[in-house]
Amino acid sequence: MVNPLTLVFQSLIYPGLFFMIVLIILTQWLARKVTARIQFRRGPVYAGVAGVLQPLADLLKLVVKKDLVNKYSLKASPLIVISLAIGALVVIPSATPLAIQPLHAEYDAIVVLYLLLLIPFGLAYLAAAHPNPYTAIGVGRYIALLLSSEPAYALTILVPVILASRHYGAGYSLYYTSLVSHMLWAISPLKTVSMALATAAGFLGLMSMLMVKPFDTPEAESELYWGMFTELGGPRLALGFFAKFAERIVYPLIYTLLFLGGAWPFTVGDWLPASIIILAKTIAVFTVLTVIDAALPRYKPEQAVRFLWKYLYPASIISLTLALI
């Protein structure tokens, strides 16, 4: 039973809201610096040491602006929905070994998976609730990407959960699966192939759901002005950015726990080094995604959907089948 005070601390401080804000600032600064280096630019340099506070300055600038929307926009419901999505992103790390007292139970992987798959639709609703021709096209492309990747992504997450539950008694828990995920690769040659396919398919799913090139068709600045974010501004855009940036932390975190060994070579008994190695792996995945995003060109919408159905779905289905054998 988790102490109520500990629960409040984990929700608001670590690894909750405050820690998420700090990670967003650091990872977005890193993303801007890496992208700038690839494009022969300097990136942020003024706000804070080496420009590290520039992401915070940009978000605060949006927050203090007046909340203006066009007359066809929904007023309250988009704010409620995106706030719930942000809440889900903030609470998911509390179900991982990063937390001081992780929240876990049998079949909690289903709850976490539900939250992960619900979050992108919060972004889609926020955009669709502020109608604009560019927004409509961007949201349509985004939903097409989600329908082409979310089910397959869910299958890849189930692969390590099923293997850990069958062979190590993880009880379909994300937390317990993360404790033994490094051992899933050595169960048998068949399971090694299953994990390898799930790892590759899971990474493709990450790229699509996070709109990493070549799957950034919903934004497509040169085609759609700013795509699904065109009509957003001020606090609403700040909330949208917060959700988008938090996604780029939480999804790589789950990927690290399930496919990259989690805290290995440390154990969760050594909480501090285990947390450090998990965060280091998560930031490494984030950096790889950033480099790919900066280096690759964009797919056409039909190319992106065709690629996902041609490669992501077969790989995820085969990996799940091998895990069930």
Foldseek 3Di string as FASTA:
>chain_A
DDDPVLVVCCCPPPPFDVVLVVVLLQLVQVLQCLLCVVVVHRGAQPPPHRRSCVVVVVLVVLQPDDFDADPQADDPVLVVLLVVLSSLLRCVCLCALRRPNRDKDAQCLVVNLVSLLSNLVSLLCLLVRRDDVLQVVLSVLLVLLSVLQSVLLSLLLVLLLLLCCVPPVQNSMLHSSLQCLVVQCPPDVLSVLLLVLSLVLNLLSLCQNLLAPQNVVQQPCVPRVGHSCVRDTGNSVSSSVSSSSSSLQRSLLSSCSNRVNQQPVDGSVPSPSSSVVSNVSSSVSSVVSSVRRSPHHYDDSVVSSVVSNVRSNVSSVSSSVSSVD
